[in-house]
Amino acid sequence: MSASTEKAYASLLARIQRGELSSGDFLVEAELARSLGMSRTPVREAIHRLAADGLVLTEGYRRAVVREFHEDQVLEIYELRSRLESYAAARAATRIDRAQLDRLRGLALEMEACAAQPGPAMTVRFAELNDQFHQLILEAAGATHLTAALRPLLQIQLLLLQRYQHTIQEHLERSCWHHRELIRALELGDAELAEHQMRLHMLSARSAGPGETHS
């Protein structure tokens, strides 16, 4: 992927996550290229990548729209993440190194600081840190194909976050607690406990209501 396409992808993804491009909005290549100060080719390629991630739907010839997620689809995403990330946590428990554990602890502390400061900006920052937290566990698991399978689900979760920022704050502290318990299981090298804690983490987010929580 060219540097221009990567830049276009990162910019469009950030706009979707911030809610500047909302569910149902059309992505018009010419307008986006003009706003990004680049040609239409990298924008077109970025839109194709967003479609592959499941964040954008293509409708006919060169028509793309930011995807809308319904309740049953949100529940399915949580269920898939629960199954896949529980497996990843079990693998990570027997493979994670000290440096990775230190990074997880640091991310957890930063998320706790965000949870203590209500507001849209802190919620978005929490989401970014949370994504890094889960990606790091996948890295520690050393499962390339699993990481590829989960990537679009994690991206979709970030999209859902911007839709429900007004209801999410009360659930962030619970998520932080689950992160602490998960780190403890990883520190112990207990695969079964790590798998259990990750499953609880995912199911707790799901039980609070579609789109209302963030894991």
N, C-alpha and C. Protein backbone atom coordinates (compact mmCIF):
# COMPACT_ATOMS: atom_id res chain seq x y z
N MET A 1 0.84 -1.19 0.00
CA MET A 1 0.00 0.00 0.00
C MET A 1 0.88 1.25 0.00
N SER A 2 0.56 2.21 -0.88
CA SER A 2 1.37 3.42 -0.99
C SER A 2 1.19 4.30 0.24
N ALA A 3 2.13 5.21 0.42
CA ALA A 3 2.06 6.12 1.56
C ALA A 3 0.82 7.00 1.48
N SER A 4 0.45 7.41 0.26
CA SER A 4 -0.74 8.26 0.08
C SER A 4 -2.01 7.50 0.45
N THR A 5 -2.07 6.23 0.06
CA THR A 5 -3.24 5.42 0.39
C THR A 5 -3.32 5.20 1.89
N GLU A 6 -2.17 4.94 2.51
CA GLU A 6 -2.13 4.75 3.96
C GLU A 6 -2.61 6.00 4.67
N LYS A 7 -2.17 7.16 4.20
CA LYS A 7 -2.58 8.42 4.81
C LYS A 7 -4.07 8.64 4.64
N ALA A 8 -4.58 8.36 3.45
CA ALA A 8 -6.02 8.53 3.19
C ALA A 8 -6.83 7.59 4.07
N TYR A 9 -6.37 6.36 4.20
CA TYR A 9 -7.07 5.37 5.02
C TYR A 9 -7.12 5.83 6.48
N ALA A 10 -5.97 6.24 7.01
CA ALA A 10 -5.90 6.67 8.41
C ALA A 10 -6.80 7.88 8.65
N SER A 11 -6.83 8.80 7.70
CA SER A 11 -7.64 10.01 7.85
C SER A 11 -9.13 9.69 7.83
N LEU A 12 -9.54 8.85 6.88
CA LEU A 12 -10.96 8.48 6.79
C LEU A 12 -11.40 7.65 7.99
N LEU A 13 -10.54 6.75 8.41
CA LEU A 13 -10.86 5.92 9.58
C LEU A 13 -11.05 6.81 10.81
N ALA A 14 -10.17 7.80 10.99
CA ALA A 14 -10.27 8.70 12.13
C ALA A 14 -11.57 9.51 12.07
N ARG A 15 -11.96 9.94 10.89
CA ARG A 15 -13.20 10.70 10.75
C ARG A 15 -14.42 9.85 11.10
N ILE A 16 -14.38 8.59 10.71
CA ILE A 16 -15.48 7.69 11.05
C ILE A 16 -15.53 7.46 12.55
N GLN A 17 -14.38 7.23 13.16
CA GLN A 17 -14.32 6.97 14.60
C GLN A 17 -14.75 8.19 15.41
N ARG A 18 -14.44 9.38 14.92
CA ARG A 18 -14.83 10.61 15.63
C ARG A 18 -16.28 10.99 15.37
N GLY A 19 -16.91 10.33 14.41
CA GLY A 19 -18.29 10.66 14.09
C GLY A 19 -18.43 11.76 13.06
N GLU A 20 -17.32 12.23 12.50
CA GLU A 20 -17.40 13.25 11.46
C GLU A 20 -18.01 12.67 10.20
N LEU A 21 -17.79 11.38 9.99
CA LEU A 21 -18.48 10.62 8.95
C LEU A 21 -19.35 9.62 9.68
N SER A 22 -20.66 9.80 9.63
CA SER A 22 -21.58 8.99 10.41
C SER A 22 -22.18 7.87 9.58
N SER A 23 -22.79 6.91 10.28
CA SER A 23 -23.47 5.81 9.61
C SER A 23 -24.50 6.37 8.63
N GLY A 24 -24.45 5.87 7.39
CA GLY A 24 -25.36 6.34 6.35
C GLY A 24 -24.79 7.42 5.46
N ASP A 25 -23.67 8.02 5.87
CA ASP A 25 -23.05 9.06 5.04
C ASP A 25 -22.38 8.45 3.82
N PHE A 26 -22.56 9.09 2.67
CA PHE A 26 -21.90 8.65 1.45
C PHE A 26 -20.47 9.17 1.42
N LEU A 27 -19.56 8.35 0.90
CA LEU A 27 -18.17 8.74 0.74
C LEU A 27 -17.96 9.11 -0.73
N VAL A 28 -17.86 10.39 -0.97
CA VAL A 28 -17.70 10.89 -2.33
C VAL A 28 -16.22 11.12 -2.61
N GLU A 29 -15.67 10.36 -3.54
CA GLU A 29 -14.23 10.40 -3.78
C GLU A 29 -13.71 11.80 -4.04
N ALA A 30 -14.37 12.53 -4.92
CA ALA A 30 -13.88 13.85 -5.32
C ALA A 30 -13.84 14.80 -4.12
N GLU A 31 -14.90 14.78 -3.32
CA GLU A 31 -14.96 15.67 -2.16
C GLU A 31 -13.90 15.30 -1.12
N LEU A 32 -13.76 14.00 -0.87
CA LEU A 32 -12.78 13.56 0.11
C LEU A 32 -11.36 13.85 -0.35
N ALA A 33 -11.09 13.63 -1.63
CA ALA A 33 -9.76 13.90 -2.17
C ALA A 33 -9.41 15.38 -2.03
N ARG A 34 -10.40 16.23 -2.29
CA ARG A 34 -10.19 17.67 -2.18
C ARG A 34 -9.90 18.05 -0.72
N SER A 35 -10.65 17.48 0.22
CA SER A 35 -10.46 17.83 1.63
C SER A 35 -9.14 17.30 2.18
N LEU A 36 -8.65 16.19 1.60
CA LEU A 36 -7.39 15.61 2.05
C LEU A 36 -6.19 16.15 1.29
N GLY A 37 -6.45 16.89 0.23
CA GLY A 37 -5.37 17.47 -0.56
C GLY A 37 -4.58 16.43 -1.34
N MET A 38 -5.28 15.46 -1.92
CA MET A 38 -4.62 14.42 -2.71
C MET A 38 -5.49 14.01 -3.88
N SER A 39 -4.95 13.15 -4.73
CA SER A 39 -5.72 12.69 -5.89
C SER A 39 -6.78 11.68 -5.45
N ARG A 40 -7.67 11.32 -6.37
CA ARG A 40 -8.77 10.42 -6.04
C ARG A 40 -8.32 8.96 -5.91
N THR A 41 -7.19 8.61 -6.55
CA THR A 41 -6.77 7.20 -6.54
C THR A 41 -6.50 6.67 -5.12
N PRO A 42 -5.68 7.34 -4.31
CA PRO A 42 -5.47 6.81 -2.96
C PRO A 42 -6.74 6.82 -2.12
N VAL A 43 -7.62 7.79 -2.35
CA VAL A 43 -8.89 7.83 -1.63
C VAL A 43 -9.74 6.64 -2.00
N ARG A 44 -9.78 6.32 -3.29
CA ARG A 44 -10.55 5.16 -3.76
C ARG A 44 -10.01 3.87 -3.13
N GLU A 45 -8.68 3.76 -3.10
CA GLU A 45 -8.07 2.55 -2.52
C GLU A 45 -8.33 2.48 -1.01
N ALA A 46 -8.33 3.63 -0.34
CA ALA A 46 -8.62 3.66 1.09
C ALA A 46 -10.06 3.23 1.37
N ILE A 47 -10.98 3.67 0.53
CA ILE A 47 -12.38 3.28 0.68
C ILE A 47 -12.54 1.78 0.48
N HIS A 48 -11.82 1.22 -0.48
CA HIS A 48 -11.87 -0.24 -0.70
C HIS A 48 -11.37 -0.97 0.55
N ARG A 49 -10.34 -0.44 1.18
CA ARG A 49 -9.81 -1.07 2.39
C ARG A 49 -10.81 -0.97 3.54
N LEU A 50 -11.47 0.17 3.67
CA LEU A 50 -12.50 0.33 4.69
C LEU A 50 -13.65 -0.63 4.46
N ALA A 51 -13.96 -0.86 3.19
CA ALA A 51 -15.02 -1.83 2.86
C ALA A 51 -14.59 -3.24 3.26
N ALA A 52 -13.30 -3.56 3.02
CA ALA A 52 -12.78 -4.87 3.40
C ALA A 52 -12.80 -5.05 4.92
N ASP A 53 -12.64 -3.94 5.66
CA ASP A 53 -12.68 -3.98 7.12
C ASP A 53 -14.10 -4.10 7.66
N GLY A 54 -15.08 -3.91 6.77
CA GLY A 54 -16.46 -4.01 7.20
C GLY A 54 -17.05 -2.70 7.72
N LEU A 55 -16.32 -1.60 7.54
CA LEU A 55 -16.78 -0.30 8.03
C LEU A 55 -17.58 0.47 6.99
N VAL A 56 -17.42 0.08 5.74
CA VAL A 56 -18.07 0.78 4.63
C VAL A 56 -18.74 -0.25 3.73
N LEU A 57 -19.90 0.11 3.19
CA LEU A 57 -20.60 -0.73 2.23
C LEU A 57 -20.54 -0.05 0.86
N THR A 58 -20.28 -0.83 -0.17
CA THR A 58 -20.27 -0.28 -1.52
C THR A 58 -21.64 -0.52 -2.14
N GLU A 59 -22.13 0.50 -2.81
CA GLU A 59 -23.44 0.43 -3.44
C GLU A 59 -23.32 0.84 -4.90
N GLY A 60 -23.23 -0.15 -5.76
CA GLY A 60 -23.15 0.14 -7.19
C GLY A 60 -21.80 0.71 -7.58
N TYR A 61 -21.76 1.38 -8.68
CA TYR A 61 -20.51 1.87 -9.26
C TYR A 61 -19.99 3.07 -8.49
N ARG A 62 -18.88 2.87 -7.83
CA ARG A 62 -18.18 3.94 -7.11
C ARG A 62 -19.08 4.66 -6.10
N ARG A 63 -19.98 3.93 -5.47
CA ARG A 63 -20.79 4.50 -4.40
C ARG A 63 -20.49 3.72 -3.12
N ALA A 64 -20.14 4.45 -2.09
CA ALA A 64 -19.82 3.82 -0.82
C ALA A 64 -20.48 4.60 0.30
N VAL A 65 -20.90 3.90 1.34
CA VAL A 65 -21.60 4.53 2.45
C VAL A 65 -21.06 3.95 3.77
N VAL A 66 -20.95 4.80 4.79
CA VAL A 66 -20.51 4.34 6.11
C VAL A 66 -21.58 3.38 6.65
N ARG A 67 -21.14 2.25 7.12
CA ARG A 67 -22.06 1.18 7.49
C ARG A 67 -22.85 1.46 8.76
N GLU A 68 -24.10 1.02 8.76
CA GLU A 68 -24.97 1.07 9.94
C GLU A 68 -25.03 -0.34 10.54
N PHE A 69 -24.93 -0.44 11.86
CA PHE A 69 -24.98 -1.75 12.52
C PHE A 69 -26.25 -1.87 13.35
N HIS A 70 -26.95 -2.98 13.17
CA HIS A 70 -28.17 -3.24 13.91
C HIS A 70 -27.87 -4.10 15.14
N GLU A 71 -28.84 -4.18 16.03
CA GLU A 71 -28.63 -4.82 17.33
C GLU A 71 -28.11 -6.25 17.20
N ASP A 72 -28.71 -7.05 16.33
CA ASP A 72 -28.28 -8.44 16.21
C ASP A 72 -26.85 -8.54 15.68
N GLN A 73 -26.45 -7.59 14.83
CA GLN A 73 -25.08 -7.59 14.32
C GLN A 73 -24.09 -7.22 15.41
N VAL A 74 -24.47 -6.28 16.28
CA VAL A 74 -23.60 -5.88 17.38
C VAL A 74 -23.38 -7.06 18.33
N LEU A 75 -24.46 -7.77 18.65
CA LEU A 75 -24.35 -8.93 19.52
C LEU A 75 -23.47 -10.01 18.91
N GLU A 76 -23.57 -10.16 17.60
CA GLU A 76 -22.74 -11.16 16.92
C GLU A 76 -21.26 -10.79 17.02
N ILE A 77 -20.96 -9.50 16.91
CA ILE A 77 -19.58 -9.04 17.02
C ILE A 77 -19.02 -9.35 18.39
N TYR A 78 -19.80 -9.09 19.44
CA TYR A 78 -19.36 -9.41 20.80
C TYR A 78 -19.12 -10.91 20.96
N GLU A 79 -20.01 -11.72 20.40
CA GLU A 79 -19.88 -13.17 20.53
C GLU A 79 -18.62 -13.67 19.83
N LEU A 80 -18.37 -13.16 18.63
CA LEU A 80 -17.17 -13.56 17.89
C LEU A 80 -15.91 -13.14 18.63
N ARG A 81 -15.92 -11.91 19.13
CA ARG A 81 -14.75 -11.45 19.88
C ARG A 81 -14.53 -12.28 21.13
N SER A 82 -15.62 -12.63 21.80
CA SER A 82 -15.50 -13.44 23.01
C SER A 82 -14.80 -14.76 22.73
N ARG A 83 -15.20 -15.42 21.67
CA ARG A 83 -14.62 -16.72 21.34
C ARG A 83 -13.17 -16.60 20.89
N LEU A 84 -12.90 -15.67 19.99
CA LEU A 84 -11.57 -15.54 19.42
C LEU A 84 -10.56 -14.95 20.41
N GLU A 85 -10.96 -13.92 21.14
CA GLU A 85 -10.01 -13.28 22.04
C GLU A 85 -9.77 -14.10 23.31
N SER A 86 -10.73 -14.93 23.69
CA SER A 86 -10.49 -15.84 24.82
C SER A 86 -9.38 -16.82 24.46
N TYR A 87 -9.43 -17.32 23.25
CA TYR A 87 -8.39 -18.22 22.77
C TYR A 87 -7.04 -17.50 22.71
N ALA A 88 -7.07 -16.25 22.24
CA ALA A 88 -5.83 -15.47 22.16
C ALA A 88 -5.24 -15.24 23.55
N ALA A 89 -6.09 -14.96 24.53
CA ALA A 89 -5.60 -14.72 25.89
C ALA A 89 -4.96 -15.98 26.47
N ALA A 90 -5.56 -17.13 26.19
CA ALA A 90 -4.99 -18.39 26.68
C ALA A 90 -3.61 -18.62 26.08
N ARG A 91 -3.45 -18.36 24.79
CA ARG A 91 -2.14 -18.49 24.14
C ARG A 91 -1.15 -17.49 24.71
N ALA A 92 -1.62 -16.26 24.91
CA ALA A 92 -0.72 -15.20 25.38
C ALA A 92 -0.18 -15.51 26.78
N ALA A 93 -0.98 -16.16 27.60
CA ALA A 93 -0.58 -16.43 29.00
C ALA A 93 0.71 -17.24 29.07
N THR A 94 0.95 -18.08 28.08
CA THR A 94 2.15 -18.93 28.10
C THR A 94 3.26 -18.39 27.21
N ARG A 95 3.03 -17.21 26.61
CA ARG A 95 4.03 -16.67 25.68
C ARG A 95 4.43 -15.23 25.99
N ILE A 96 3.65 -14.51 26.74
CA ILE A 96 3.88 -13.09 26.95
C ILE A 96 5.19 -12.86 27.71
N ASP A 97 5.90 -11.80 27.33
CA ASP A 97 7.17 -11.50 28.01
C ASP A 97 7.02 -10.30 28.94
N ARG A 98 8.07 -10.02 29.71
CA ARG A 98 8.01 -8.95 30.73
C ARG A 98 7.73 -7.59 30.09
N ALA A 99 8.36 -7.31 28.96
CA ALA A 99 8.16 -6.01 28.32
C ALA A 99 6.70 -5.83 27.90
N GLN A 100 6.09 -6.89 27.37
CA GLN A 100 4.69 -6.80 26.95
C GLN A 100 3.77 -6.62 28.16
N LEU A 101 4.08 -7.30 29.25
CA LEU A 101 3.30 -7.12 30.47
C LEU A 101 3.41 -5.69 30.99
N ASP A 102 4.60 -5.13 30.94
CA ASP A 102 4.79 -3.75 31.37
C ASP A 102 3.97 -2.79 30.51
N ARG A 103 3.94 -3.04 29.23
CA ARG A 103 3.15 -2.19 28.33
C ARG A 103 1.66 -2.32 28.62
N LEU A 104 1.20 -3.54 28.90
CA LEU A 104 -0.22 -3.73 29.25
C LEU A 104 -0.56 -2.96 30.52
N ARG A 105 0.32 -3.02 31.52
CA ARG A 105 0.07 -2.29 32.77
C ARG A 105 -0.01 -0.79 32.52
N GLY A 106 0.90 -0.30 31.68
CA GLY A 106 0.89 1.12 31.35
C GLY A 106 -0.38 1.55 30.65
N LEU A 107 -0.82 0.74 29.69
CA LEU A 107 -2.07 1.04 28.97
C LEU A 107 -3.26 1.01 29.92
N ALA A 108 -3.27 0.03 30.82
CA ALA A 108 -4.37 -0.07 31.78
C ALA A 108 -4.44 1.16 32.67
N LEU A 109 -3.29 1.65 33.11
CA LEU A 109 -3.26 2.85 33.95
C LEU A 109 -3.76 4.08 33.19
N GLU A 110 -3.36 4.18 31.92
CA GLU A 110 -3.83 5.31 31.11
C GLU A 110 -5.33 5.25 30.90
N MET A 111 -5.88 4.04 30.70
CA MET A 111 -7.33 3.91 30.53
C MET A 111 -8.07 4.28 31.81
N GLU A 112 -7.51 3.92 32.95
CA GLU A 112 -8.14 4.28 34.22
C GLU A 112 -8.17 5.80 34.39
N ALA A 113 -7.12 6.46 33.95
CA ALA A 113 -7.08 7.92 34.01
C ALA A 113 -8.15 8.52 33.11
N CYS A 114 -8.34 7.93 31.94
CA CYS A 114 -9.37 8.41 31.01
C CYS A 114 -10.76 8.21 31.61
N ALA A 115 -10.98 7.05 32.23
CA ALA A 115 -12.29 6.74 32.81
C ALA A 115 -12.64 7.70 33.94
N ALA A 116 -11.62 8.27 34.57
CA ALA A 116 -11.84 9.20 35.68
C ALA A 116 -12.13 10.62 35.20
N GLN A 117 -12.06 10.84 33.88
CA GLN A 117 -12.30 12.17 33.32
C GLN A 117 -13.39 12.09 32.25
N PRO A 118 -14.66 12.10 32.63
CA PRO A 118 -15.76 11.94 31.67
C PRO A 118 -15.71 12.97 30.56
N GLY A 119 -16.14 12.55 29.39
CA GLY A 119 -16.22 13.45 28.25
C GLY A 119 -15.88 12.74 26.97
N PRO A 120 -16.38 13.24 25.83
CA PRO A 120 -16.15 12.58 24.54
C PRO A 120 -14.69 12.39 24.19
N ALA A 121 -13.85 13.40 24.47
CA ALA A 121 -12.44 13.30 24.11
C ALA A 121 -11.76 12.17 24.87
N MET A 122 -12.05 12.06 26.16
CA MET A 122 -11.44 11.00 26.97
C MET A 122 -11.98 9.63 26.58
N THR A 123 -13.24 9.58 26.15
CA THR A 123 -13.83 8.32 25.72
C THR A 123 -13.16 7.82 24.45
N VAL A 124 -12.90 8.74 23.53
CA VAL A 124 -12.21 8.37 22.29
C VAL A 124 -10.78 7.93 22.60
N ARG A 125 -10.12 8.64 23.51
CA ARG A 125 -8.76 8.26 23.89
C ARG A 125 -8.77 6.88 24.55
N PHE A 126 -9.77 6.62 25.40
CA PHE A 126 -9.90 5.31 26.02
C PHE A 126 -10.00 4.24 24.94
N ALA A 127 -10.77 4.50 23.89
CA ALA A 127 -10.94 3.53 22.81
C ALA A 127 -9.63 3.24 22.11
N GLU A 128 -8.84 4.28 21.88
CA GLU A 128 -7.55 4.10 21.21
C GLU A 128 -6.62 3.23 22.07
N LEU A 129 -6.58 3.53 23.36
CA LEU A 129 -5.73 2.76 24.28
C LEU A 129 -6.22 1.33 24.40
N ASN A 130 -7.53 1.16 24.45
CA ASN A 130 -8.11 -0.17 24.56
C ASN A 130 -7.77 -1.02 23.34
N ASP A 131 -7.79 -0.39 22.18
CA ASP A 131 -7.43 -1.10 20.95
C ASP A 131 -5.98 -1.57 21.04
N GLN A 132 -5.09 -0.71 21.53
CA GLN A 132 -3.69 -1.09 21.69
C GLN A 132 -3.54 -2.24 22.69
N PHE A 133 -4.35 -2.20 23.76
CA PHE A 133 -4.32 -3.24 24.79
C PHE A 133 -4.65 -4.60 24.18
N HIS A 134 -5.74 -4.66 23.43
CA HIS A 134 -6.16 -5.93 22.85
C HIS A 134 -5.22 -6.38 21.73
N GLN A 135 -4.70 -5.43 20.97
CA GLN A 135 -3.74 -5.77 19.92
C GLN A 135 -2.47 -6.35 20.53
N LEU A 136 -2.06 -5.83 21.68
CA LEU A 136 -0.85 -6.31 22.34
C LEU A 136 -1.03 -7.76 22.82
N ILE A 137 -2.21 -8.09 23.30
CA ILE A 137 -2.48 -9.47 23.70
C ILE A 137 -2.42 -10.39 22.49
N LEU A 138 -2.95 -9.92 21.38
CA LEU A 138 -2.87 -10.71 20.14
C LEU A 138 -1.42 -10.89 19.72
N GLU A 139 -0.64 -9.82 19.86
CA GLU A 139 0.79 -9.90 19.53
C GLU A 139 1.48 -10.95 20.41
N ALA A 140 1.17 -10.92 21.70
CA ALA A 140 1.77 -11.87 22.63
C ALA A 140 1.32 -13.30 22.33
N ALA A 141 0.11 -13.45 21.82
CA ALA A 141 -0.41 -14.79 21.49
C ALA A 141 0.36 -15.41 20.34
N GLY A 142 0.95 -14.57 19.49
CA GLY A 142 1.73 -15.08 18.36
C GLY A 142 0.91 -15.85 17.35
N ALA A 143 -0.33 -15.40 17.12
CA ALA A 143 -1.22 -16.10 16.19
C ALA A 143 -1.56 -15.16 15.03
N THR A 144 -0.82 -15.26 13.96
CA THR A 144 -0.97 -14.34 12.83
C THR A 144 -2.36 -14.40 12.22
N HIS A 145 -2.87 -15.59 12.00
CA HIS A 145 -4.17 -15.72 11.35
C HIS A 145 -5.28 -15.22 12.27
N LEU A 146 -5.13 -15.43 13.56
CA LEU A 146 -6.11 -14.95 14.52
C LEU A 146 -6.15 -13.43 14.52
N THR A 147 -5.00 -12.82 14.47
CA THR A 147 -4.91 -11.36 14.42
C THR A 147 -5.62 -10.82 13.19
N ALA A 148 -5.41 -11.45 12.05
CA ALA A 148 -6.05 -11.02 10.81
C ALA A 148 -7.56 -11.16 10.90
N ALA A 149 -8.03 -12.23 11.55
CA ALA A 149 -9.47 -12.46 11.67
C ALA A 149 -10.13 -11.43 12.59
N LEU A 150 -9.40 -11.02 13.63
CA LEU A 150 -9.97 -10.10 14.62
C LEU A 150 -9.88 -8.64 14.22
N ARG A 151 -8.95 -8.30 13.36
CA ARG A 151 -8.73 -6.89 13.03
C ARG A 151 -10.00 -6.16 12.62
N PRO A 152 -10.80 -6.69 11.67
CA PRO A 152 -12.02 -5.96 11.30
C PRO A 152 -13.02 -5.84 12.44
N LEU A 153 -13.06 -6.82 13.33
CA LEU A 153 -13.99 -6.75 14.47
C LEU A 153 -13.59 -5.62 15.42
N LEU A 154 -12.29 -5.46 15.61
CA LEU A 154 -11.80 -4.38 16.47
C LEU A 154 -12.08 -3.02 15.85
N GLN A 155 -11.93 -2.94 14.54
CA GLN A 155 -12.21 -1.67 13.85
C GLN A 155 -13.69 -1.32 13.97
N ILE A 156 -14.55 -2.33 13.81
CA ILE A 156 -15.99 -2.10 13.92
C ILE A 156 -16.34 -1.62 15.33
N GLN A 157 -15.67 -2.19 16.34
CA GLN A 157 -15.93 -1.78 17.71
C GLN A 157 -15.64 -0.30 17.90
N LEU A 158 -14.59 0.18 17.29
CA LEU A 158 -14.26 1.60 17.39
C LEU A 158 -15.32 2.47 16.73
N LEU A 159 -15.88 1.98 15.62
CA LEU A 159 -16.95 2.70 14.95
C LEU A 159 -18.18 2.77 15.84
N LEU A 160 -18.52 1.67 16.49
CA LEU A 160 -19.69 1.65 17.36
C LEU A 160 -19.52 2.62 18.53
N LEU A 161 -18.30 2.78 18.99
CA LEU A 161 -18.05 3.65 20.13
C LEU A 161 -18.53 5.07 19.87
N GLN A 162 -18.25 5.63 18.70
CA GLN A 162 -18.59 7.02 18.47
C GLN A 162 -20.10 7.25 18.41
N ARG A 163 -20.86 6.18 18.17
CA ARG A 163 -22.31 6.31 18.11
C ARG A 163 -22.94 6.42 19.49
N TYR A 164 -22.24 5.89 20.52
CA TYR A 164 -22.86 5.77 21.83
C TYR A 164 -22.04 6.40 22.95
N GLN A 165 -21.30 7.44 22.62
CA GLN A 165 -20.47 8.08 23.64
C GLN A 165 -21.29 8.61 24.80
N HIS A 166 -22.55 8.98 24.54
CA HIS A 166 -23.37 9.59 25.59
C HIS A 166 -23.81 8.57 26.64
N THR A 167 -23.70 7.28 26.38
CA THR A 167 -24.14 6.27 27.35
C THR A 167 -22.99 5.41 27.86
N ILE A 168 -21.78 5.66 27.38
CA ILE A 168 -20.70 4.70 27.62
C ILE A 168 -19.94 4.91 28.92
N GLN A 169 -19.92 6.14 29.45
CA GLN A 169 -19.03 6.47 30.55
C GLN A 169 -19.19 5.54 31.75
N GLU A 170 -20.42 5.21 32.09
CA GLU A 170 -20.65 4.40 33.29
C GLU A 170 -20.04 3.02 33.20
N HIS A 171 -19.71 2.56 31.99
CA HIS A 171 -19.19 1.21 31.81
C HIS A 171 -17.67 1.14 31.74
N LEU A 172 -17.02 2.28 31.68
CA LEU A 172 -15.57 2.27 31.51
C LEU A 172 -14.85 1.72 32.73
N GLU A 173 -15.34 2.04 33.92
CA GLU A 173 -14.67 1.55 35.13
C GLU A 173 -14.74 0.02 35.21
N ARG A 174 -15.87 -0.54 34.80
CA ARG A 174 -15.98 -2.00 34.79
C ARG A 174 -14.97 -2.60 33.83
N SER A 175 -14.82 -1.97 32.68
CA SER A 175 -13.85 -2.46 31.71
C SER A 175 -12.44 -2.41 32.28
N CYS A 176 -12.13 -1.34 33.02
CA CYS A 176 -10.81 -1.22 33.64
C CYS A 176 -10.57 -2.35 34.65
N TRP A 177 -11.60 -2.68 35.41
CA TRP A 177 -11.48 -3.77 36.38
C TRP A 177 -11.15 -5.08 35.67
N HIS A 178 -11.86 -5.35 34.57
CA HIS A 178 -11.59 -6.57 33.82
C HIS A 178 -10.16 -6.57 33.27
N HIS A 179 -9.68 -5.42 32.84
CA HIS A 179 -8.31 -5.34 32.34
C HIS A 179 -7.31 -5.73 33.43
N ARG A 180 -7.55 -5.23 34.65
CA ARG A 180 -6.64 -5.56 35.75
C ARG A 180 -6.64 -7.07 36.05
N GLU A 181 -7.81 -7.68 36.03
CA GLU A 181 -7.91 -9.11 36.30
C GLU A 181 -7.25 -9.92 35.19
N LEU A 182 -7.38 -9.45 33.97
CA LEU A 182 -6.77 -10.14 32.84
C LEU A 182 -5.25 -10.06 32.91
N ILE A 183 -4.73 -8.90 33.26
CA ILE A 183 -3.28 -8.75 33.42
C ILE A 183 -2.78 -9.69 34.51
N ARG A 184 -3.52 -9.79 35.61
CA ARG A 184 -3.12 -10.68 36.69
C ARG A 184 -3.01 -12.13 36.20
N ALA A 185 -3.98 -12.57 35.41
CA ALA A 185 -3.95 -13.94 34.88
C ALA A 185 -2.74 -14.14 33.97
N LEU A 186 -2.42 -13.12 33.16
CA LEU A 186 -1.27 -13.21 32.27
C LEU A 186 0.03 -13.23 33.07
N GLU A 187 0.09 -12.44 34.14
CA GLU A 187 1.28 -12.43 35.00
C GLU A 187 1.52 -13.82 35.61
N LEU A 188 0.44 -14.49 35.96
CA LEU A 188 0.53 -15.82 36.56
C LEU A 188 0.86 -16.89 35.52
N GLY A 189 0.73 -16.54 34.25
CA GLY A 189 0.95 -17.53 33.19
C GLY A 189 -0.12 -18.61 33.17
N ASP A 190 -1.32 -18.26 33.66
CA ASP A 190 -2.42 -19.22 33.78
C ASP A 190 -3.32 -19.11 32.55
N ALA A 191 -3.16 -20.02 31.60
CA ALA A 191 -3.91 -19.96 30.35
C ALA A 191 -5.41 -20.09 30.57
N GLU A 192 -5.80 -21.02 31.45
CA GLU A 192 -7.22 -21.23 31.71
C GLU A 192 -7.86 -19.99 32.34
N LEU A 193 -7.17 -19.39 33.31
CA LEU A 193 -7.69 -18.19 33.96
C LEU A 193 -7.75 -17.02 32.99
N ALA A 194 -6.72 -16.86 32.16
CA ALA A 194 -6.69 -15.78 31.19
C ALA A 194 -7.85 -15.92 30.20
N GLU A 195 -8.09 -17.14 29.74
CA GLU A 195 -9.20 -17.38 28.83
C GLU A 195 -10.53 -17.03 29.49
N HIS A 196 -10.68 -17.44 30.75
CA HIS A 196 -11.91 -17.16 31.50
C HIS A 196 -12.11 -15.66 31.69
N GLN A 197 -11.06 -14.94 32.06
CA GLN A 197 -11.18 -13.51 32.30
C GLN A 197 -11.51 -12.75 31.02
N MET A 198 -10.92 -13.16 29.92
CA MET A 198 -11.23 -12.49 28.66
C MET A 198 -12.68 -12.75 28.27
N ARG A 199 -13.15 -13.96 28.46
CA ARG A 199 -14.55 -14.26 28.13
C ARG A 199 -15.49 -13.43 29.00
N LEU A 200 -15.19 -13.32 30.30
CA LEU A 200 -16.00 -12.49 31.18
C LEU A 200 -16.00 -11.03 30.72
N HIS A 201 -14.84 -10.58 30.33
CA HIS A 201 -14.67 -9.20 29.85
C HIS A 201 -15.58 -8.93 28.66
N MET A 202 -15.56 -9.81 27.68
CA MET A 202 -16.38 -9.64 26.49
C MET A 202 -17.87 -9.77 26.79
N LEU A 203 -18.24 -10.76 27.58
CA LEU A 203 -19.65 -10.99 27.87
C LEU A 203 -20.22 -9.90 28.77
N SER A 204 -19.39 -9.33 29.63
CA SER A 204 -19.84 -8.21 30.46
C SER A 204 -20.18 -7.01 29.58
N ALA A 205 -19.34 -6.77 28.59
CA ALA A 205 -19.61 -5.67 27.66
C ALA A 205 -20.90 -5.92 26.90
N ARG A 206 -21.10 -7.15 26.45
CA ARG A 206 -22.29 -7.49 25.69
C ARG A 206 -23.56 -7.36 26.53
N SER A 207 -23.49 -7.82 27.78
CA SER A 207 -24.69 -7.84 28.63
C SER A 207 -25.19 -6.47 29.00
N ALA A 208 -24.31 -5.47 28.90
CA ALA A 208 -24.73 -4.12 29.25
C ALA A 208 -25.58 -3.49 28.18
N GLY A 209 -25.65 -4.14 26.99
CA GLY A 209 -26.52 -3.63 25.93
C GLY A 209 -25.73 -3.31 24.70
N PRO A 210 -26.23 -3.65 23.51
CA PRO A 210 -25.53 -3.41 22.25
C PRO A 210 -25.17 -1.95 22.08
N GLY A 211 -23.87 -1.74 21.79
CA GLY A 211 -23.43 -0.38 21.50
C GLY A 211 -23.25 0.49 22.71
N GLU A 212 -23.65 0.01 23.92
CA GLU A 212 -23.57 0.89 25.08
C GLU A 212 -22.28 0.77 25.84
N THR A 213 -21.47 -0.27 25.53
CA THR A 213 -20.25 -0.45 26.29
C THR A 213 -19.06 -0.49 25.36
N HIS A 214 -17.94 -0.46 26.02
CA HIS A 214 -16.71 -0.61 25.25
C HIS A 214 -15.81 -1.59 25.96
N SER A 215 -15.31 -2.58 25.24
CA SER A 215 -14.44 -3.56 25.86
C SER A 215 -13.00 -3.22 25.65
